[in-house]
C-alpha atoms as a PDB file:
ATOM      1  CA  UNK A   1      37.131  31.379   4.427  1.00  0.00           C
ATOM      2  CA  UNK A   2      38.428  33.471   1.684  1.00  0.00           C
ATOM      3  CA  UNK A   3      41.199  32.178  -0.769  1.00  0.00           C
ATOM      4  CA  UNK A   4      44.315  34.599  -1.209  1.00  0.00           C
ATOM      5  CA  UNK A   5      43.211  36.076  -4.414  1.00  0.00           C
ATOM      6  CA  UNK A   6      39.689  37.044  -3.123  1.00  0.00           C
ATOM      7  CA  UNK A   7      41.093  38.385  -0.156  1.00  0.00           C
ATOM      8  CA  UNK A   8      42.420  41.538  -2.256  1.00  0.00           C
ATOM      9  CA  UNK A   9      39.340  42.120  -4.507  1.00  0.00           C
ATOM     10  CA  UNK A  10      38.019  45.621  -3.354  1.00  0.00           C
ATOM     11  CA  UNK A  11      34.611  47.248  -4.546  1.00  0.00           C
ATOM     12  CA  UNK A  12      35.903  49.270  -7.260  1.00  0.00           C
ATOM     13  CA  UNK A  13      37.101  45.702  -8.814  1.00  0.00           C
ATOM     14  CA  UNK A  14      33.555  43.722  -7.804  1.00  0.00           C
ATOM     15  CA  UNK A  15      32.086  46.871  -9.714  1.00  0.00           C
ATOM     16  CA  UNK A  16      34.142  46.409 -12.793  1.00  0.00           C
ATOM     17  CA  UNK A  17      32.826  42.666 -13.042  1.00  0.00           C
ATOM     18  CA  UNK A  18      29.289  44.367 -12.453  1.00  0.00           C
ATOM     19  CA  UNK A  19      29.839  46.586 -15.269  1.00  0.00           C
ATOM     20  CA  UNK A  20      31.182  44.159 -17.688  1.00  0.00           C
ATOM     21  CA  UNK A  21      28.252  41.772 -17.253  1.00  0.00           C
ATOM     22  CA  UNK A  22      26.054  44.971 -18.083  1.00  0.00           C
ATOM     23  CA  UNK A  23      28.175  46.452 -21.001  1.00  0.00           C
ATOM     24  CA  UNK A  24      30.321  43.325 -21.880  1.00  0.00           C
ATOM     25  CA  UNK A  25      33.295  46.034 -23.264  1.00  0.00           C
ATOM     26  CA  UNK A  26      36.183  46.446 -21.581  1.00  0.00           C
ATOM     27  CA  UNK A  27      36.748  49.962 -23.062  1.00  0.00           C
ATOM     28  CA  UNK A  28      33.470  51.103 -21.851  1.00  0.00           C
ATOM     29  CA  UNK A  29      33.907  49.881 -18.610  1.00  0.00           C
ATOM     30  CA  UNK A  30      37.181  51.332 -18.176  1.00  0.00           C
ATOM     31  CA  UNK A  31      35.628  54.913 -19.232  1.00  0.00           C
ATOM     32  CA  UNK A  32      33.247  54.614 -16.607  1.00  0.00           C
ATOM     33  CA  UNK A  33      35.669  53.653 -13.945  1.00  0.00           C
ATOM     34  CA  UNK A  34      38.294  56.352 -15.312  1.00  0.00           C
ATOM     35  CA  UNK A  35      40.792  53.698 -15.604  1.00  0.00           C
ATOM     36  CA  UNK A  36      43.048  52.829 -18.401  1.00  0.00           C
ATOM     37  CA  UNK A  37      42.601  49.926 -20.795  1.00  0.00           C
ATOM     38  CA  UNK A  38      46.107  48.417 -19.503  1.00  0.00           C
ATOM     39  CA  UNK A  39      44.485  48.869 -16.106  1.00  0.00           C
ATOM     40  CA  UNK A  40      40.900  47.578 -17.186  1.00  0.00           C
ATOM     41  CA  UNK A  41      42.403  44.324 -18.342  1.00  0.00           C
ATOM     42  CA  UNK A  42      44.530  43.903 -15.130  1.00  0.00           C
ATOM     43  CA  UNK A  43      41.409  44.032 -12.916  1.00  0.00           C
ATOM     44  CA  UNK A  44      40.058  41.558 -15.433  1.00  0.00           C
ATOM     45  CA  UNK A  45      42.825  38.998 -14.631  1.00  0.00           C
ATOM     46  CA  UNK A  46      42.632  39.461 -11.000  1.00  0.00           C
ATOM     47  CA  UNK A  47      38.972  38.420 -11.378  1.00  0.00           C
ATOM     48  CA  UNK A  48      39.682  35.611 -13.579  1.00  0.00           C
ATOM     49  CA  UNK A  49      42.437  34.618 -11.220  1.00  0.00           C
ATOM     50  CA  UNK A  50      40.275  35.458  -7.950  1.00  0.00           C
ATOM     51  CA  UNK A  51      37.218  33.156  -9.417  1.00  0.00           C
ATOM     52  CA  UNK A  52      39.276  30.679 -11.079  1.00  0.00           C
ATOM     53  CA  UNK A  53      37.243  30.976 -14.424  1.00  0.00           C
ATOM     54  CA  UNK A  54      37.851  32.762 -17.695  1.00  0.00           C
ATOM     55  CA  UNK A  55      34.311  35.161 -16.638  1.00  0.00           C
ATOM     56  CA  UNK A  56      33.635  36.513 -20.454  1.00  0.00           C
ATOM     57  CA  UNK A  57      34.988  35.176 -23.607  1.00  0.00           C
ATOM     58  CA  UNK A  58      35.732  37.168 -26.682  1.00  0.00           C
ATOM     59  CA  UNK A  59      33.844  36.996 -29.592  1.00  0.00           C
ATOM     60  CA  UNK A  60      34.041  39.568 -33.122  1.00  0.00           C
ATOM     61  CA  UNK A  61      30.782  41.545 -31.429  1.00  0.00           C
ATOM     62  CA  UNK A  62      31.282  41.744 -27.391  1.00  0.00           C
ATOM     63  CA  UNK A  63      32.400  39.621 -24.637  1.00  0.00           C
ATOM     64  CA  UNK A  64      30.036  36.694 -23.782  1.00  0.00           C
ATOM     65  CA  UNK A  65      29.820  36.003 -20.190  1.00  0.00           C
ATOM     66  CA  UNK A  66      30.516  32.722 -18.888  1.00  0.00           C
ATOM     67  CA  UNK A  67      27.913  30.725 -16.773  1.00  0.00           C
ATOM     68  CA  UNK A  68      30.143  31.562 -13.485  1.00  0.00           C
ATOM     69  CA  UNK A  69      29.882  35.398 -14.697  1.00  0.00           C
ATOM     70  CA  UNK A  70      26.239  35.145 -14.869  1.00  0.00           C
ATOM     71  CA  UNK A  71      25.916  33.432 -11.388  1.00  0.00           C
ATOM     72  CA  UNK A  72      27.790  36.294  -9.651  1.00  0.00           C
ATOM     73  CA  UNK A  73      25.859  38.929 -11.098  1.00  0.00           C
ATOM     74  CA  UNK A  74      23.207  38.814  -8.293  1.00  0.00           C
ATOM     75  CA  UNK A  75      25.444  38.516  -5.769  1.00  0.00           C
ATOM     76  CA  UNK A  76      27.306  41.159  -6.827  1.00  0.00           C
ATOM     77  CA  UNK A  77      24.855  43.560  -7.368  1.00  0.00           C
ATOM     78  CA  UNK A  78      23.539  42.792  -3.680  1.00  0.00           C
ATOM     79  CA  UNK A  79      26.768  43.256  -2.214  1.00  0.00           C
ATOM     80  CA  UNK A  80      27.492  46.473  -3.744  1.00  0.00           C
ATOM     81  CA  UNK A  81      23.714  47.797  -2.793  1.00  0.00           C
ATOM     82  CA  UNK A  82      24.416  46.705   1.013  1.00  0.00           C
ATOM     83  CA  UNK A  83      27.665  48.634   0.565  1.00  0.00           C
ATOM     84  CA  UNK A  84      25.848  52.045  -0.693  1.00  0.00           C
ATOM     85  CA  UNK A  85      23.389  51.299   2.180  1.00  0.00           C
ATOM     86  CA  UNK A  86      26.069  51.225   4.861  1.00  0.00           C
ATOM     87  CA  UNK A  87      26.321  55.165   4.278  1.00  0.00           C
ATOM     88  CA  UNK A  88      23.034  56.417   2.898  1.00  0.00           C
ATOM     89  CA  UNK A  89      19.612  55.234   2.586  1.00  0.00           C
ATOM     90  CA  UNK A  90      18.976  52.413  -0.055  1.00  0.00           C
ATOM     91  CA  UNK A  91      17.259  54.609  -2.988  1.00  0.00           C
ATOM     92  CA  UNK A  92      16.344  54.432  -6.460  1.00  0.00           C
ATOM     93  CA  UNK A  93      16.529  57.344  -8.710  1.00  0.00           C
ATOM     94  CA  UNK A  94      14.832  56.430 -12.245  1.00  0.00           C
ATOM     95  CA  UNK A  95      16.035  59.801 -13.968  1.00  0.00           C
ATOM     96  CA  UNK A  96      19.997  59.234 -12.379  1.00  0.00           C
ATOM     97  CA  UNK A  97      19.970  55.346 -13.085  1.00  0.00           C
ATOM     98  CA  UNK A  98      22.233  53.773 -15.810  1.00  0.00           C
ATOM     99  CA  UNK A  99      21.374  50.324 -14.689  1.00  0.00           C
ATOM    100  CA  UNK A 100      20.747  47.570 -17.127  1.00  0.00           C
ATOM    101  CA  UNK A 101      17.432  45.904 -16.422  1.00  0.00           C
ATOM    102  CA  UNK A 102      16.553  42.240 -17.612  1.00  0.00           C
ATOM    103  CA  UNK A 103      13.011  41.226 -18.458  1.00  0.00           C
ATOM    104  CA  UNK A 104      11.662  38.645 -19.737  1.00  0.00           C
ATOM    105  CA  UNK A 105       8.333  37.987 -21.689  1.00  0.00           C
ATOM    106  CA  UNK A 106       6.230  35.419 -23.850  1.00  0.00           C
ATOM    107  CA  UNK A 107       5.878  36.105 -27.515  1.00  0.00           C
ATOM    108  CA  UNK A 108       2.402  37.450 -26.535  1.00  0.00           C
ATOM    109  CA  UNK A 109       2.946  39.652 -23.780  1.00  0.00           C
ATOM    110  CA  UNK A 110       6.046  41.234 -25.687  1.00  0.00           C
ATOM    111  CA  UNK A 111       3.529  42.226 -28.476  1.00  0.00           C
ATOM    112  CA  UNK A 112       0.166  43.321 -25.809  1.00  0.00           C
ATOM    113  CA  UNK A 113       2.433  44.892 -23.286  1.00  0.00           C
ATOM    114  CA  UNK A 114       5.844  45.712 -24.247  1.00  0.00           C
ATOM    115  CA  UNK A 115       5.560  48.542 -26.149  1.00  0.00           C
ATOM    116  CA  UNK A 116       3.605  50.559 -23.390  1.00  0.00           C
ATOM    117  CA  UNK A 117       6.386  49.239 -20.701  1.00  0.00           C
ATOM    118  CA  UNK A 118       9.014  50.652 -22.642  1.00  0.00           C
ATOM    119  CA  UNK A 119       7.176  53.667 -23.101  1.00  0.00           C
ATOM    120  CA  UNK A 120       6.753  54.607 -19.509  1.00  0.00           C
ATOM    121  CA  UNK A 121      10.292  53.023 -18.346  1.00  0.00           C
ATOM    122  CA  UNK A 122      12.385  55.653 -21.101  1.00  0.00           C
ATOM    123  CA  UNK A 123       9.845  58.637 -19.606  1.00  0.00           C
ATOM    124  CA  UNK A 124      10.843  57.811 -16.380  1.00  0.00           C
ATOM    125  CA  UNK A 125      14.804  56.395 -16.668  1.00  0.00           C
ATOM    126  CA  UNK A 126      16.217  57.869 -19.825  1.00  0.00           C
ATOM    127  CA  UNK A 127      20.011  56.722 -19.160  1.00  0.00           C
ATOM    128  CA  UNK A 128      18.954  53.284 -18.285  1.00  0.00           C
ATOM    129  CA  UNK A 129      18.699  50.386 -20.316  1.00  0.00           C
ATOM    130  CA  UNK A 130      16.166  47.539 -20.572  1.00  0.00           C
ATOM    131  CA  UNK A 131      16.621  44.091 -22.114  1.00  0.00           C
ATOM    132  CA  UNK A 132      13.968  41.642 -22.996  1.00  0.00           C
ATOM    133  CA  UNK A 133      14.193  38.264 -24.014  1.00  0.00           C
ATOM    134  CA  UNK A 134      11.980  35.153 -24.422  1.00  0.00           C
ATOM    135  CA  UNK A 135      10.510  33.100 -21.651  1.00  0.00           C
ATOM    136  CA  UNK A 136       9.139  29.840 -22.510  1.00  0.00           C
ATOM    137  CA  UNK A 137       6.993  27.104 -20.805  1.00  0.00           C
ATOM    138  CA  UNK A 138       9.965  25.693 -19.005  1.00  0.00           C
ATOM    139  CA  UNK A 139      12.780  27.790 -19.836  1.00  0.00           C
ATOM    140  CA  UNK A 140      13.329  29.029 -15.986  1.00  0.00           C
ATOM    141  CA  UNK A 141      13.736  25.581 -14.888  1.00  0.00           C
ATOM    142  CA  UNK A 142      16.290  24.996 -17.437  1.00  0.00           C
ATOM    143  CA  UNK A 143      18.539  27.836 -16.613  1.00  0.00           C
ATOM    144  CA  UNK A 144      17.785  28.995 -13.310  1.00  0.00           C
ATOM    145  CA  UNK A 145      21.180  30.795 -12.924  1.00  0.00           C
ATOM    146  CA  UNK A 146      20.627  33.294 -15.263  1.00  0.00           C
ATOM    147  CA  UNK A 147      19.833  36.613 -14.229  1.00  0.00           C
ATOM    148  CA  UNK A 148      16.335  38.441 -14.353  1.00  0.00           C
ATOM    149  CA  UNK A 149      15.111  41.281 -12.852  1.00  0.00           C
ATOM    150  CA  UNK A 150      11.078  40.629 -13.954  1.00  0.00           C
ATOM    151  CA  UNK A 151       9.442  37.680 -15.715  1.00  0.00           C
ATOM    152  CA  UNK A 152       5.927  38.678 -17.322  1.00  0.00           C
ATOM    153  CA  UNK A 153       4.198  35.374 -17.990  1.00  0.00           C
ATOM    154  CA  UNK A 154       1.317  33.343 -18.223  1.00  0.00           C
ATOM    155  CA  UNK A 155      -0.166  30.578 -15.430  1.00  0.00           C
ATOM    156  CA  UNK A 156       1.232  27.861 -18.070  1.00  0.00           C
ATOM    157  CA  UNK A 157       5.030  29.198 -17.469  1.00  0.00           C
ATOM    158  CA  UNK A 158       6.665  26.739 -14.818  1.00  0.00           C
ATOM    159  CA  UNK A 159       8.518  28.821 -11.799  1.00  0.00           C
ATOM    160  CA  UNK A 160      11.853  27.999 -10.193  1.00  0.00           C
ATOM    161  CA  UNK A 161      10.686  27.053  -6.045  1.00  0.00           C
ATOM    162  CA  UNK A 162      12.964  30.350  -5.272  1.00  0.00           C
ATOM    163  CA  UNK A 163      10.790  32.627  -7.511  1.00  0.00           C
ATOM    164  CA  UNK A 164       7.643  35.135  -6.144  1.00  0.00           C
ATOM    165  CA  UNK A 165       4.808  35.906  -7.973  1.00  0.00           C
ATOM    166  CA  UNK A 166       1.088  37.803  -8.279  1.00  0.00           C
ATOM    167  CA  UNK A 167      -1.375  37.564 -10.520  1.00  0.00           C
ATOM    168  CA  UNK A 168      -1.811  41.176 -12.924  1.00  0.00           C
ATOM    169  CA  UNK A 169      -5.010  39.916 -14.457  1.00  0.00           C
ATOM    170  CA  UNK A 170      -6.489  37.856 -16.965  1.00  0.00           C
ATOM    171  CA  UNK A 171      -8.024  37.424 -20.612  1.00  0.00           C
ATOM    172  CA  UNK A 172     -10.728  35.678 -22.064  1.00  0.00           C
ATOM    173  CA  UNK A 173     -10.227  33.188 -24.989  1.00  0.00           C
ATOM    174  CA  UNK A 174     -11.995  34.079 -28.342  1.00  0.00           C
ATOM    175  CA  UNK A 175     -12.250  32.329 -31.596  1.00  0.00           C
ATOM    176  CA  UNK A 176     -10.378  34.835 -34.243  1.00  0.00           C
ATOM    177  CA  UNK A 177     -11.060  34.876 -37.874  1.00  0.00           C
ATOM    178  CA  UNK A 178     -11.144  37.019 -41.041  1.00  0.00           C
ATOM    179  CA  UNK A 179     -13.819  39.606 -41.616  1.00  0.00           C
ATOM    180  CA  UNK A 180     -14.815  37.915 -44.977  1.00  0.00           C
ATOM    181  CA  UNK A 181     -14.679  34.154 -43.209  1.00  0.00           C
ATOM    182  CA  UNK A 182     -17.600  31.509 -44.025  1.00  0.00           C
ATOM    183  CA  UNK A 183     -19.051  32.018 -40.307  1.00  0.00           C
ATOM    184  CA  UNK A 184     -17.995  35.648 -39.557  1.00  0.00           C
ATOM    185  CA  UNK A 185     -21.693  36.703 -40.432  1.00  0.00           C
ATOM    186  CA  UNK A 186     -23.040  34.830 -37.623  1.00  0.00           C
ATOM    187  CA  UNK A 187     -23.568  36.016 -34.226  1.00  0.00           C
ATOM    188  CA  UNK A 188     -22.490  32.672 -32.823  1.00  0.00           C
ATOM    189  CA  UNK A 189     -20.469  29.288 -34.003  1.00  0.00           C
ATOM    190  CA  UNK A 190     -21.256  25.858 -33.351  1.00  0.00           C
ATOM    191  CA  UNK A 191     -18.844  23.648 -32.133  1.00  0.00           C
ATOM    192  CA  UNK A 192     -19.437  21.107 -35.097  1.00  0.00           C
ATOM    193  CA  UNK A 193     -18.837  23.953 -37.243  1.00  0.00           C
ATOM    194  CA  UNK A 194     -15.644  25.621 -35.446  1.00  0.00           C
ATOM    195  CA  UNK A 195     -14.175  21.968 -35.904  1.00  0.00           C
ATOM    196  CA  UNK A 196     -14.987  21.719 -39.645  1.00  0.00           C
ATOM    197  CA  UNK A 197     -12.019  24.332 -40.560  1.00  0.00           C
ATOM    198  CA  UNK A 198      -8.407  24.178 -39.907  1.00  0.00           C
ATOM    199  CA  UNK A 199      -7.051  26.259 -37.164  1.00  0.00           C
ATOM    200  CA  UNK A 200      -3.885  28.357 -36.131  1.00  0.00           C
ATOM    201  CA  UNK A 201      -1.666  26.944 -33.029  1.00  0.00           C
ATOM    202  CA  UNK A 202       0.652  29.394 -31.397  1.00  0.00           C
ATOM    203  CA  UNK A 203       3.400  27.450 -29.556  1.00  0.00           C
ATOM    204  CA  UNK A 204       4.563  28.582 -26.316  1.00  0.00           C
ATOM    205  CA  UNK A 205       7.863  26.315 -26.580  1.00  0.00           C
ATOM    206  CA  UNK A 206       9.370  23.640 -24.325  1.00  0.00           C
ATOM    207  CA  UNK A 207       6.071  21.705 -24.425  1.00  0.00           C
ATOM    208  CA  UNK A 208       3.855  19.853 -26.898  1.00  0.00           C
ATOM    209  CA  UNK A 209       0.779  20.122 -24.468  1.00  0.00           C
ATOM    210  CA  UNK A 210      -1.969  21.836 -25.677  1.00  0.00           C
ATOM    211  CA  UNK A 211      -3.910  23.381 -22.738  1.00  0.00           C
ATOM    212  CA  UNK A 212      -6.755  24.676 -24.522  1.00  0.00           C
ATOM    213  CA  UNK A 213      -7.559  20.884 -25.770  1.00  0.00           C
ATOM    214  CA  UNK A 214      -8.588  19.372 -22.168  1.00  0.00           C
ATOM    215  CA  UNK A 215     -11.760  21.778 -22.488  1.00  0.00           C
ATOM    216  CA  UNK A 216     -12.986  20.159 -26.125  1.00  0.00           C
ATOM    217  CA  UNK A 217     -12.430  16.559 -24.061  1.00  0.00           C
ATOM    218  CA  UNK A 218     -12.908  13.582 -26.540  1.00  0.00           C
ATOM    219  CA  UNK A 219     -13.465  16.214 -29.495  1.00  0.00           C
ATOM    220  CA  UNK A 220      -9.913  17.293 -29.244  1.00  0.00           C
ATOM    221  CA  UNK A 221      -8.791  14.722 -31.865  1.00  0.00           C
ATOM    222  CA  UNK A 222     -10.820  16.554 -34.410  1.00  0.00           C
ATOM    223  CA  UNK A 223      -9.134  19.877 -34.384  1.00  0.00           C
ATOM    224  CA  UNK A 224      -6.548  20.102 -37.207  1.00  0.00           C
ATOM    225  CA  UNK A 225      -3.964  22.584 -36.799  1.00  0.00           C
ATOM    226  CA  UNK A 226      -2.592  23.143 -40.023  1.00  0.00           C
ATOM    227  CA  UNK A 227      -0.595  26.432 -39.108  1.00  0.00           C
ATOM    228  CA  UNK A 228       1.972  26.672 -36.098  1.00  0.00           C
ATOM    229  CA  UNK A 229       3.718  29.441 -35.405  1.00  0.00           C
ATOM    230  CA  UNK A 230       5.386  31.031 -32.164  1.00  0.00           C
ATOM    231  CA  UNK A 231       4.702  34.586 -33.261  1.00  0.00           C
ATOM    232  CA  UNK A 232       1.006  35.754 -32.062  1.00  0.00           C
ATOM    233  CA  UNK A 233       1.531  38.668 -34.784  1.00  0.00           C
ATOM    234  CA  UNK A 234       1.994  36.430 -37.719  1.00  0.00           C
ATOM    235  CA  UNK A 235      -0.763  34.320 -36.650  1.00  0.00           C
ATOM    236  CA  UNK A 236      -3.141  37.043 -36.709  1.00  0.00           C
ATOM    237  CA  UNK A 237      -2.276  38.436 -40.028  1.00  0.00           C
ATOM    238  CA  UNK A 238      -2.418  35.034 -41.501  1.00  0.00           C
ATOM    239  CA  UNK A 239      -5.672  34.376 -39.871  1.00  0.00           C
ATOM    240  CA  UNK A 240      -6.767  37.752 -41.656  1.00  0.00           C
ATOM    241  CA  UNK A 241      -5.538  36.270 -44.636  1.00  0.00           C
ATOM    242  CA  UNK A 242      -7.086  32.832 -45.047  1.00  0.00           C
ATOM    243  CA  UNK A 243     -10.024  31.107 -43.680  1.00  0.00           C
ATOM    244  CA  UNK A 244      -8.041  29.623 -40.603  1.00  0.00           C
ATOM    245  CA  UNK A 245      -9.757  30.079 -37.072  1.00  0.00           C
ATOM    246  CA  UNK A 246      -7.450  31.092 -33.970  1.00  0.00           C
ATOM    247  CA  UNK A 247      -8.351  30.299 -30.771  1.00  0.00           C
ATOM    248  CA  UNK A 248      -6.687  32.798 -28.090  1.00  0.00           C
ATOM    249  CA  UNK A 249      -6.731  35.582 -25.902  1.00  0.00           C
ATOM    250  CA  UNK A 250      -8.671  38.198 -27.633  1.00  0.00           C
ATOM    251  CA  UNK A 251      -6.628  41.886 -26.378  1.00  0.00           C
ATOM    252  CA  UNK A 252      -4.195  42.018 -29.460  1.00  0.00           C
ATOM    253  CA  UNK A 253      -6.579  40.586 -31.786  1.00  0.00           C
ATOM    254  CA  UNK A 254      -8.806  43.502 -31.102  1.00  0.00           C
ATOM    255  CA  UNK A 255      -6.184  46.207 -30.999  1.00  0.00           C
ATOM    256  CA  UNK A 256      -5.045  44.751 -34.634  1.00  0.00           C
ATOM    257  CA  UNK A 257      -8.800  44.127 -35.659  1.00  0.00           C
ATOM    258  CA  UNK A 258      -8.965  46.532 -38.517  1.00  0.00           C
ATOM    259  CA  UNK A 259      -5.192  46.577 -39.716  1.00  0.00           C
ATOM    260  CA  UNK A 260      -5.670  42.675 -40.376  1.00  0.00           C
ATOM    261  CA  UNK A 261      -9.493  42.538 -41.167  1.00  0.00           C
ATOM    262  CA  UNK A 262     -10.363  40.355 -38.226  1.00  0.00           C
ATOM    263  CA  UNK A 263     -13.486  39.361 -36.391  1.00  0.00           C
ATOM    264  CA  UNK A 264     -13.661  37.844 -32.994  1.00  0.00           C
ATOM    265  CA  UNK A 265     -16.313  35.600 -31.999  1.00  0.00           C
ATOM    266  CA  UNK A 266     -17.055  33.621 -28.384  1.00  0.00           C
ATOM    267  CA  UNK A 267     -15.810  30.423 -28.469  1.00  0.00           C
ATOM    268  CA  UNK A 268     -18.301  27.632 -28.860  1.00  0.00           C
ATOM    269  CA  UNK A 269     -16.955  25.775 -25.796  1.00  0.00           C
ATOM    270  CA  UNK A 270     -16.333  26.536 -22.131  1.00  0.00           C
ATOM    271  CA  UNK A 271     -12.723  27.469 -21.530  1.00  0.00           C
ATOM    272  CA  UNK A 272     -11.263  29.545 -18.019  1.00  0.00           C
ATOM    273  CA  UNK A 273      -9.933  32.712 -18.533  1.00  0.00           C
ATOM    274  CA  UNK A 274      -6.057  32.717 -18.510  1.00  0.00           C
ATOM    275  CA  UNK A 275      -4.092  34.460 -15.586  1.00  0.00           C
ATOM    276  CA  UNK A 276      -1.151  36.745 -16.479  1.00  0.00           C
ATOM    277  CA  UNK A 277       1.340  36.886 -13.836  1.00  0.00           C
ATOM    278  CA  UNK A 278       4.545  38.928 -12.864  1.00  0.00           C
ATOM    279  CA  UNK A 279       7.405  37.034 -11.476  1.00  0.00           C
ATOM    280  CA  UNK A 280      10.721  37.568  -9.745  1.00  0.00           C
ATOM    281  CA  UNK A 281      13.378  35.971  -7.803  1.00  0.00           C
ATOM    282  CA  UNK A 282      12.626  36.122  -4.470  1.00  0.00           C
ATOM    283  CA  UNK A 283      16.412  37.055  -3.604  1.00  0.00           C
ATOM    284  CA  UNK A 284      15.531  40.581  -5.883  1.00  0.00           C
ATOM    285  CA  UNK A 285      12.379  41.500  -3.483  1.00  0.00           C
ATOM    286  CA  UNK A 286      14.048  44.312  -1.797  1.00  0.00           C
ATOM    287  CA  UNK A 287      16.013  45.512  -4.653  1.00  0.00           C
ATOM    288  CA  UNK A 288      14.930  49.096  -4.917  1.00  0.00           C
ATOM    289  CA  UNK A 289      15.395  49.263  -8.611  1.00  0.00           C
ATOM    290  CA  UNK A 290      13.631  45.819  -9.275  1.00  0.00           C
ATOM    291  CA  UNK A 291      10.820  46.995  -7.040  1.00  0.00           C
ATOM    292  CA  UNK A 292      10.436  50.108  -9.198  1.00  0.00           C
ATOM    293  CA  UNK A 293      10.501  47.802 -12.615  1.00  0.00           C
ATOM    294  CA  UNK A 294       7.926  45.740 -11.125  1.00  0.00           C
ATOM    295  CA  UNK A 295       5.395  48.519  -9.987  1.00  0.00           C
ATOM    296  CA  UNK A 296       5.982  50.019 -13.664  1.00  0.00           C
ATOM    297  CA  UNK A 297       5.301  46.390 -15.360  1.00  0.00           C
ATOM    298  CA  UNK A 298       2.386  46.237 -12.846  1.00  0.00           C
ATOM    299  CA  UNK A 299       0.811  49.413 -13.464  1.00  0.00           C
ATOM    300  CA  UNK A 300       1.109  49.264 -17.382  1.00  0.00           C
ATOM    301  CA  UNK A 301      -0.461  45.345 -17.221  1.00  0.00           C
ATOM    302  CA  UNK A 302      -3.184  46.271 -15.151  1.00  0.00           C
ATOM    303  CA  UNK A 303      -4.031  49.539 -17.247  1.00  0.00           C
ATOM    304  CA  UNK A 304      -4.311  47.083 -20.439  1.00  0.00           C
ATOM    305  CA  UNK A 305      -5.452  43.537 -19.327  1.00  0.00           C
ATOM    306  CA  UNK A 306      -9.298  43.452 -19.838  1.00  0.00           C
ATOM    307  CA  UNK A 307      -9.592  41.727 -16.466  1.00  0.00           C
ATOM    308  CA  UNK A 308      -7.239  43.309 -13.820  1.00  0.00           C
ATOM    309  CA  UNK A 309      -6.738  41.357 -10.566  1.00  0.00           C
ATOM    310  CA  UNK A 310      -5.725  44.296  -8.060  1.00  0.00           C
ATOM    311  CA  UNK A 311      -4.041  42.453  -4.651  1.00  0.00           C
END
């Protein structure tokens, strides 16, 4: 049974909470709902009483949602969309939408695909918003209640059991080096040569495991990482200015090959291609807006990734 406070919540009040989660500003939400500031403050008070939680903590910049408020966002969105569906067919119209979409990516995919995703997104939905944040190897497991519409990640990111996923395509690793590197003039490099130089490691975060080491077997201990960074772009630029070697997916290296003065060589050992995926919470599978965003991301990535996988 609903408690007495929740029984008095109407759709407009619940919509106010959803808008607060998107805007994080009482004044802007009041304008959206055609309410005065005092009326909006009273609405927030009713919500806090109904859910027995402060819901938002005011800072000098914005109102930060509590964990309880974040956990409410997806159920609220589904309730409101289902209510809309009672009177008309569920439909998402991109050019009319003011929705805030949340997309998580790795650092690599943020650089490789996000600029084109943003370009396509704002061409189709100029009044909507797109918020991106970082996904690391196990960040989704640590914060299962966070709200996210889609996740672009590699096969190395661990997904909660409630997430669905599909492979978008694959990329192959190459050995990236400066164009004036001592090995740059050779068509191939030997494993001994490869291991004789210092290396760059881009860290995924959340784990100390280096997946490419398994392919080197007993010789993995010979590889020396003397630069570790979470940022692909800084790693690529550093490689272009040093004798460091960088083993990584090749798409970004090719894109910035001329700018950073890079050469890409085959790895001197077998390393399988990396699968890149699109993932999303299963409860959002039929959400029209979420489906639109996932289709957009799928089309962009598969048009750019070297080895697309079309299901």
